[in-house]
Amino acid sequence: MDTVSSLFDLLLHIDKTMLQFIADHGNWIYALLFVIIFSETGLVFANFLPGDSLLFVAGAICAMGKMDLATLMALLSVAAITGDAVNYSIGRWFGQALINRTKLVSPARMAYTQGFFDRYGGQTIIIARFLPIARTMAPFVAGFARMNPRKFFMFNVSGGLLWVVSLTAAGYLFGNLPFVRDHLTAVIIGIIIVSLLPGLIAWFRARRKGA
């Protein structure tokens, strides 16, 4: 329970955590953010990491002059693209073994993400960037389903750039406005709710269909 409470507190006050890290370790913040974004997109068990809110807050901190926006965008775009590529490779070469021998990939999450592929095709790789759980599962499912590597690469690069640039730019432009800065916790909660909403709607529809 304490672990869950600590994680929830970290998600809601990620701006203070990042500022403290910068004060203590300086430019190592870039390495930390790179690892977090790479892990969330590249490892199927790391879907709990705060991708959307992290990018927004990082952009807002750039507006304070604590980080360089261009450097942040470049590094985190590489992290997002590389993470998806690694996840795709894991799904392509080891997907069946992970499904059969571990609990890292649940049938429910596979089915949830497969539903997006059935509806949107390869564009799921781009759409899923903005959806928790699907963001982590989509490249794995693409690899498992033997999606054409060149097609995946095209959607991976365009989706990674769109996700990182749009959210960090939004944070840079709006995150340091007085109203947003004074109500940043509420904004972070709003980002989390909005990003979870499509998944919740899909879950309710599946429940109704099953009933």
C-alpha atoms as a PDB file:
ATOM      1  CA  MET A   1       0.000   0.000   0.000  1.00  0.00           C
ATOM      2  CA  ASP A   2       2.863   2.372   0.822  1.00  0.00           C
ATOM      3  CA  THR A   3       4.438   1.648  -2.573  1.00  0.00           C
ATOM      4  CA  VAL A   4       1.202   2.476  -4.398  1.00  0.00           C
ATOM      5  CA  SER A   5       0.816   5.668  -2.361  1.00  0.00           C
ATOM      6  CA  SER A   6       4.404   6.707  -3.115  1.00  0.00           C
ATOM      7  CA  LEU A   7       3.944   6.047  -6.834  1.00  0.00           C
ATOM      8  CA  PHE A   8       0.682   8.034  -6.879  1.00  0.00           C
ATOM      9  CA  ASP A   9       2.380  10.917  -5.064  1.00  0.00           C
ATOM     10  CA  LEU A  10       5.240  10.829  -7.584  1.00  0.00           C
ATOM     11  CA  LEU A  11       2.797  10.999 -10.517  1.00  0.00           C
ATOM     12  CA  LEU A  12       0.975  14.000  -9.068  1.00  0.00           C
ATOM     13  CA  HIS A  13       4.092  15.930  -8.064  1.00  0.00           C
ATOM     14  CA  ILE A  14       6.414  14.935 -10.867  1.00  0.00           C
ATOM     15  CA  ASP A  15       7.348  18.587 -11.428  1.00  0.00           C
ATOM     16  CA  LYS A  16       8.805  18.909  -7.915  1.00  0.00           C
ATOM     17  CA  THR A  17      10.604  15.574  -8.256  1.00  0.00           C
ATOM     18  CA  MET A  18      12.206  16.625 -11.539  1.00  0.00           C
ATOM     19  CA  LEU A  19      13.232  20.043 -10.242  1.00  0.00           C
ATOM     20  CA  GLN A  20      14.822  18.436  -7.186  1.00  0.00           C
ATOM     21  CA  PHE A  21      16.681  15.973  -9.416  1.00  0.00           C
ATOM     22  CA  ILE A  22      17.986  18.844 -11.560  1.00  0.00           C
ATOM     23  CA  ALA A  23      19.126  20.691  -8.431  1.00  0.00           C
ATOM     24  CA  ASP A  24      20.967  17.589  -7.208  1.00  0.00           C
ATOM     25  CA  HIS A  25      22.311  16.124 -10.475  1.00  0.00           C
ATOM     26  CA  GLY A  26      22.112  18.800 -13.166  1.00  0.00           C
ATOM     27  CA  ASN A  27      22.173  17.559 -16.762  1.00  0.00           C
ATOM     28  CA  TRP A  28      21.777  13.933 -15.687  1.00  0.00           C
ATOM     29  CA  ILE A  29      18.055  14.732 -15.887  1.00  0.00           C
ATOM     30  CA  TYR A  30      18.292  14.098 -19.642  1.00  0.00           C
ATOM     31  CA  ALA A  31      19.622  10.585 -19.031  1.00  0.00           C
ATOM     32  CA  LEU A  32      16.906   9.871 -16.459  1.00  0.00           C
ATOM     33  CA  LEU A  33      14.110  11.008 -18.788  1.00  0.00           C
ATOM     34  CA  PHE A  34      15.638   9.037 -21.666  1.00  0.00           C
ATOM     35  CA  VAL A  35      15.591   5.847 -19.569  1.00  0.00           C
ATOM     36  CA  ILE A  36      11.994   6.412 -18.432  1.00  0.00           C
ATOM     37  CA  ILE A  37      10.632   7.047 -21.946  1.00  0.00           C
ATOM     38  CA  PHE A  38      12.651   4.184 -23.424  1.00  0.00           C
ATOM     39  CA  SER A  39      11.438   1.809 -20.695  1.00  0.00           C
ATOM     40  CA  GLU A  40       7.767   2.746 -21.014  1.00  0.00           C
ATOM     41  CA  THR A  41       7.782   2.228 -24.776  1.00  0.00           C
ATOM     42  CA  GLY A  42      10.276  -0.649 -24.918  1.00  0.00           C
ATOM     43  CA  LEU A  43       9.371  -2.945 -22.013  1.00  0.00           C
ATOM     44  CA  VAL A  44       5.944  -4.591 -21.793  1.00  0.00           C
ATOM     45  CA  PHE A  45       5.981  -4.579 -17.982  1.00  0.00           C
ATOM     46  CA  ALA A  46       6.754  -0.826 -17.685  1.00  0.00           C
ATOM     47  CA  ASN A  47       3.357   0.570 -18.737  1.00  0.00           C
ATOM     48  CA  PHE A  48       2.894   2.155 -15.290  1.00  0.00           C
ATOM     49  CA  LEU A  49       5.470   4.853 -16.069  1.00  0.00           C
ATOM     50  CA  PRO A  50       4.088   8.417 -16.572  1.00  0.00           C
ATOM     51  CA  GLY A  51       4.830   9.091 -20.242  1.00  0.00           C
ATOM     52  CA  ASP A  52       2.301  11.789 -21.186  1.00  0.00           C
ATOM     53  CA  SER A  53       2.466  13.840 -17.990  1.00  0.00           C
ATOM     54  CA  LEU A  54       6.249  13.448 -17.877  1.00  0.00           C
ATOM     55  CA  LEU A  55       6.647  14.975 -21.346  1.00  0.00           C
ATOM     56  CA  PHE A  56       4.292  17.861 -20.555  1.00  0.00           C
ATOM     57  CA  VAL A  57       6.039  18.689 -17.279  1.00  0.00           C
ATOM     58  CA  ALA A  58       9.470  18.375 -18.902  1.00  0.00           C
ATOM     59  CA  GLY A  59       8.391  20.924 -21.513  1.00  0.00           C
ATOM     60  CA  ALA A  60       7.163  23.270 -18.774  1.00  0.00           C
ATOM     61  CA  ILE A  61      10.510  22.978 -16.980  1.00  0.00           C
ATOM     62  CA  CYS A  62      12.243  23.907 -20.251  1.00  0.00           C
ATOM     63  CA  ALA A  63      10.176  27.106 -20.229  1.00  0.00           C
ATOM     64  CA  MET A  64      11.681  27.872 -16.805  1.00  0.00           C
ATOM     65  CA  GLY A  65      15.149  27.692 -18.341  1.00  0.00           C
ATOM     66  CA  LYS A  66      16.120  24.540 -16.444  1.00  0.00           C
ATOM     67  CA  MET A  67      16.504  22.391 -19.590  1.00  0.00           C
ATOM     68  CA  ASP A  68      16.986  22.977 -23.310  1.00  0.00           C
ATOM     69  CA  LEU A  69      13.835  22.227 -25.328  1.00  0.00           C
ATOM     70  CA  ALA A  70      15.571  21.198 -28.576  1.00  0.00           C
ATOM     71  CA  THR A  71      17.920  18.823 -26.743  1.00  0.00           C
ATOM     72  CA  LEU A  72      15.005  17.365 -24.787  1.00  0.00           C
ATOM     73  CA  MET A  73      12.897  16.805 -27.913  1.00  0.00           C
ATOM     74  CA  ALA A  74      15.771  15.172 -29.795  1.00  0.00           C
ATOM     75  CA  LEU A  75      16.817  12.819 -27.001  1.00  0.00           C
ATOM     76  CA  LEU A  76      13.318  11.750 -26.004  1.00  0.00           C
ATOM     77  CA  SER A  77      12.294  11.230 -29.636  1.00  0.00           C
ATOM     78  CA  VAL A  78      15.242   8.850 -29.992  1.00  0.00           C
ATOM     79  CA  ALA A  79      14.213   7.137 -26.733  1.00  0.00           C
ATOM     80  CA  ALA A  80      10.598   6.704 -27.889  1.00  0.00           C
ATOM     81  CA  ILE A  81      11.530   5.430 -31.358  1.00  0.00           C
ATOM     82  CA  THR A  82      14.242   3.092 -30.070  1.00  0.00           C
ATOM     83  CA  GLY A  83      11.950   1.795 -27.325  1.00  0.00           C
ATOM     84  CA  ASP A  84       9.212   0.864 -29.790  1.00  0.00           C
ATOM     85  CA  ALA A  85      11.788  -0.779 -32.088  1.00  0.00           C
ATOM     86  CA  VAL A  86      13.102  -2.925 -29.222  1.00  0.00           C
ATOM     87  CA  ASN A  87       9.555  -3.819 -28.149  1.00  0.00           C
ATOM     88  CA  TYR A  88       8.677  -4.779 -31.736  1.00  0.00           C
ATOM     89  CA  SER A  89      11.747  -7.037 -31.907  1.00  0.00           C
ATOM     90  CA  ILE A  90      10.857  -8.684 -28.590  1.00  0.00           C
ATOM     91  CA  GLY A  91       7.326  -9.358 -29.819  1.00  0.00           C
ATOM     92  CA  ARG A  92       8.566 -10.673 -33.168  1.00  0.00           C
ATOM     93  CA  TRP A  93      11.199 -13.058 -31.828  1.00  0.00           C
ATOM     94  CA  PHE A  94      10.157 -13.875 -28.259  1.00  0.00           C
ATOM     95  CA  GLY A  95       6.467 -12.945 -28.117  1.00  0.00           C
ATOM     96  CA  GLN A  96       5.024 -16.457 -28.014  1.00  0.00           C
ATOM     97  CA  ALA A  97       7.457 -17.567 -25.305  1.00  0.00           C
ATOM     98  CA  LEU A  98       6.614 -14.543 -23.140  1.00  0.00           C
ATOM     99  CA  ILE A  99       2.895 -15.170 -23.529  1.00  0.00           C
ATOM    100  CA  ASN A 100       3.188 -18.900 -22.761  1.00  0.00           C
ATOM    101  CA  ARG A 101       5.746 -18.831 -19.955  1.00  0.00           C
ATOM    102  CA  THR A 102       5.295 -15.525 -18.140  1.00  0.00           C
ATOM    103  CA  LYS A 103       2.563 -13.199 -16.889  1.00  0.00           C
ATOM    104  CA  LEU A 104       4.197 -10.098 -18.361  1.00  0.00           C
ATOM    105  CA  VAL A 105       1.723 -10.071 -21.255  1.00  0.00           C
ATOM    106  CA  SER A 106      -1.862 -10.541 -20.107  1.00  0.00           C
ATOM    107  CA  PRO A 107      -4.544 -11.813 -22.542  1.00  0.00           C
ATOM    108  CA  ALA A 108      -6.714  -8.797 -21.682  1.00  0.00           C
ATOM    109  CA  ARG A 109      -4.013  -6.301 -22.710  1.00  0.00           C
ATOM    110  CA  MET A 110      -3.268  -8.278 -25.863  1.00  0.00           C
ATOM    111  CA  ALA A 111      -6.959  -8.274 -26.792  1.00  0.00           C
ATOM    112  CA  TYR A 112      -7.309  -4.563 -25.973  1.00  0.00           C
ATOM    113  CA  THR A 113      -4.401  -3.613 -28.225  1.00  0.00           C
ATOM    114  CA  GLN A 114      -5.409  -6.086 -30.951  1.00  0.00           C
ATOM    115  CA  GLY A 115      -8.746  -4.293 -31.086  1.00  0.00           C
ATOM    116  CA  PHE A 116      -6.963  -1.088 -32.072  1.00  0.00           C
ATOM    117  CA  PHE A 117      -5.059  -2.930 -34.813  1.00  0.00           C
ATOM    118  CA  ASP A 118      -8.287  -4.420 -36.140  1.00  0.00           C
ATOM    119  CA  ARG A 119      -9.859  -0.958 -36.274  1.00  0.00           C
ATOM    120  CA  TYR A 120      -6.966   1.284 -37.356  1.00  0.00           C
ATOM    121  CA  GLY A 121      -4.348  -1.033 -38.863  1.00  0.00           C
ATOM    122  CA  GLY A 122      -0.774   0.228 -38.910  1.00  0.00           C
ATOM    123  CA  GLN A 123      -1.905   3.666 -37.758  1.00  0.00           C
ATOM    124  CA  THR A 124      -2.369   2.050 -34.340  1.00  0.00           C
ATOM    125  CA  ILE A 125       1.369   2.542 -33.785  1.00  0.00           C
ATOM    126  CA  ILE A 126       0.780   6.313 -33.971  1.00  0.00           C
ATOM    127  CA  ILE A 127      -2.562   6.405 -32.136  1.00  0.00           C
ATOM    128  CA  ALA A 128      -1.318   4.178 -29.325  1.00  0.00           C
ATOM    129  CA  ARG A 129       1.458   6.656 -28.518  1.00  0.00           C
ATOM    130  CA  PHE A 130      -1.171   8.750 -26.741  1.00  0.00           C
ATOM    131  CA  LEU A 131      -2.818   5.840 -24.877  1.00  0.00           C
ATOM    132  CA  PRO A 132      -1.371   4.253 -21.710  1.00  0.00           C
ATOM    133  CA  ILE A 133      -1.038   0.445 -21.866  1.00  0.00           C
ATOM    134  CA  ALA A 134      -1.658   0.488 -25.638  1.00  0.00           C
ATOM    135  CA  ARG A 135       1.473   2.637 -25.982  1.00  0.00           C
ATOM    136  CA  THR A 136       3.524  -0.163 -24.436  1.00  0.00           C
ATOM    137  CA  MET A 137       1.640  -3.081 -25.956  1.00  0.00           C
ATOM    138  CA  ALA A 138       1.183  -1.878 -29.569  1.00  0.00           C
ATOM    139  CA  PRO A 139       4.781  -2.425 -30.790  1.00  0.00           C
ATOM    140  CA  PHE A 140       4.889  -5.811 -29.048  1.00  0.00           C
ATOM    141  CA  VAL A 141       1.642  -6.895 -30.741  1.00  0.00           C
ATOM    142  CA  ALA A 142       2.920  -5.538 -34.073  1.00  0.00           C
ATOM    143  CA  GLY A 143       6.040  -7.670 -33.770  1.00  0.00           C
ATOM    144  CA  PHE A 144       4.079 -10.703 -32.592  1.00  0.00           C
ATOM    145  CA  ALA A 145       1.717 -10.338 -35.596  1.00  0.00           C
ATOM    146  CA  ARG A 146       4.714 -10.062 -37.967  1.00  0.00           C
ATOM    147  CA  MET A 147       3.867  -6.549 -39.149  1.00  0.00           C
ATOM    148  CA  ASN A 148       6.050  -5.546 -42.101  1.00  0.00           C
ATOM    149  CA  PRO A 149       9.273  -4.067 -40.607  1.00  0.00           C
ATOM    150  CA  ARG A 150       9.447  -1.168 -43.086  1.00  0.00           C
ATOM    151  CA  LYS A 151       5.810  -0.256 -42.461  1.00  0.00           C
ATOM    152  CA  PHE A 152       6.370  -0.442 -38.706  1.00  0.00           C
ATOM    153  CA  PHE A 153       9.487   1.748 -38.990  1.00  0.00           C
ATOM    154  CA  MET A 154       7.534   4.456 -40.843  1.00  0.00           C
ATOM    155  CA  PHE A 155       4.727   4.564 -38.257  1.00  0.00           C
ATOM    156  CA  ASN A 156       7.186   4.225 -35.376  1.00  0.00           C
ATOM    157  CA  VAL A 157       9.278   7.247 -36.388  1.00  0.00           C
ATOM    158  CA  SER A 158       6.309   9.470 -37.235  1.00  0.00           C
ATOM    159  CA  GLY A 159       4.417   8.446 -34.071  1.00  0.00           C
ATOM    160  CA  GLY A 160       7.421   8.893 -31.809  1.00  0.00           C
ATOM    161  CA  LEU A 161       8.184  12.355 -33.142  1.00  0.00           C
ATOM    162  CA  LEU A 162       4.534  13.440 -32.970  1.00  0.00           C
ATOM    163  CA  TRP A 163       4.107  12.200 -29.378  1.00  0.00           C
ATOM    164  CA  VAL A 164       7.297  13.723 -27.955  1.00  0.00           C
ATOM    165  CA  VAL A 165       7.250  17.010 -29.855  1.00  0.00           C
ATOM    166  CA  SER A 166       3.546  17.741 -29.329  1.00  0.00           C
ATOM    167  CA  LEU A 167       3.507  17.099 -25.574  1.00  0.00           C
ATOM    168  CA  THR A 168       6.810  18.787 -24.753  1.00  0.00           C
ATOM    169  CA  ALA A 169       5.819  21.773 -26.927  1.00  0.00           C
ATOM    170  CA  ALA A 170       2.454  21.949 -25.134  1.00  0.00           C
ATOM    171  CA  GLY A 171       4.246  21.939 -21.795  1.00  0.00           C
ATOM    172  CA  TYR A 172       6.666  24.610 -22.995  1.00  0.00           C
ATOM    173  CA  LEU A 173       3.892  26.877 -24.310  1.00  0.00           C
ATOM    174  CA  PHE A 174       1.272  26.406 -21.601  1.00  0.00           C
ATOM    175  CA  GLY A 175       2.923  24.764 -18.598  1.00  0.00           C
ATOM    176  CA  ASN A 176       4.502  27.954 -17.323  1.00  0.00           C
ATOM    177  CA  LEU A 177       1.378  30.117 -17.599  1.00  0.00           C
ATOM    178  CA  PRO A 178       0.401  31.411 -14.134  1.00  0.00           C
ATOM    179  CA  PHE A 179      -2.930  29.555 -14.056  1.00  0.00           C
ATOM    180  CA  VAL A 180      -1.437  26.249 -15.248  1.00  0.00           C
ATOM    181  CA  ARG A 181       1.580  26.591 -12.955  1.00  0.00           C
ATOM    182  CA  ASP A 182      -0.648  27.284  -9.946  1.00  0.00           C
ATOM    183  CA  HIS A 183      -2.896  24.312 -10.755  1.00  0.00           C
ATOM    184  CA  LEU A 184      -0.300  21.922 -12.193  1.00  0.00           C
ATOM    185  CA  THR A 185      -1.428  18.987 -10.052  1.00  0.00           C
ATOM    186  CA  ALA A 186      -4.970  19.340 -11.441  1.00  0.00           C
ATOM    187  CA  VAL A 187      -3.554  19.594 -14.973  1.00  0.00           C
ATOM    188  CA  ILE A 188      -1.518  16.403 -14.467  1.00  0.00           C
ATOM    189  CA  ILE A 189      -4.622  14.606 -13.166  1.00  0.00           C
ATOM    190  CA  GLY A 190      -6.506  15.869 -16.233  1.00  0.00           C
ATOM    191  CA  ILE A 191      -3.809  14.550 -18.586  1.00  0.00           C
ATOM    192  CA  ILE A 192      -3.920  11.152 -16.875  1.00  0.00           C
ATOM    193  CA  ILE A 193      -7.728  10.995 -17.061  1.00  0.00           C
ATOM    194  CA  VAL A 194      -7.859  12.071 -20.718  1.00  0.00           C
ATOM    195  CA  SER A 195      -5.176   9.539 -21.690  1.00  0.00           C
ATOM    196  CA  LEU A 196      -7.000   6.743 -19.838  1.00  0.00           C
ATOM    197  CA  LEU A 197     -10.457   7.646 -21.167  1.00  0.00           C
ATOM    198  CA  PRO A 198     -10.278   5.776 -24.529  1.00  0.00           C
ATOM    199  CA  GLY A 199      -9.193   2.602 -22.738  1.00  0.00           C
ATOM    200  CA  LEU A 200     -12.010   2.909 -20.184  1.00  0.00           C
ATOM    201  CA  ILE A 201     -14.562   3.458 -22.964  1.00  0.00           C
ATOM    202  CA  ALA A 202     -13.264   0.385 -24.813  1.00  0.00           C
ATOM    203  CA  TRP A 203     -13.460  -1.640 -21.593  1.00  0.00           C
ATOM    204  CA  PHE A 204     -17.067  -0.592 -20.894  1.00  0.00           C
ATOM    205  CA  ARG A 205     -18.057  -1.386 -24.480  1.00  0.00           C
ATOM    206  CA  ALA A 206     -16.457  -4.815 -24.205  1.00  0.00           C
ATOM    207  CA  ARG A 207     -18.303  -5.434 -20.936  1.00  0.00           C
ATOM    208  CA  ARG A 208     -21.626  -4.432 -22.476  1.00  0.00           C
ATOM    209  CA  LYS A 209     -20.997  -6.555 -25.544  1.00  0.00           C
ATOM    210  CA  GLY A 210     -20.055  -9.497 -23.349  1.00  0.00           C
ATOM    211  CA  ALA A 211     -23.192  -9.034 -21.250  1.00  0.00           C
END
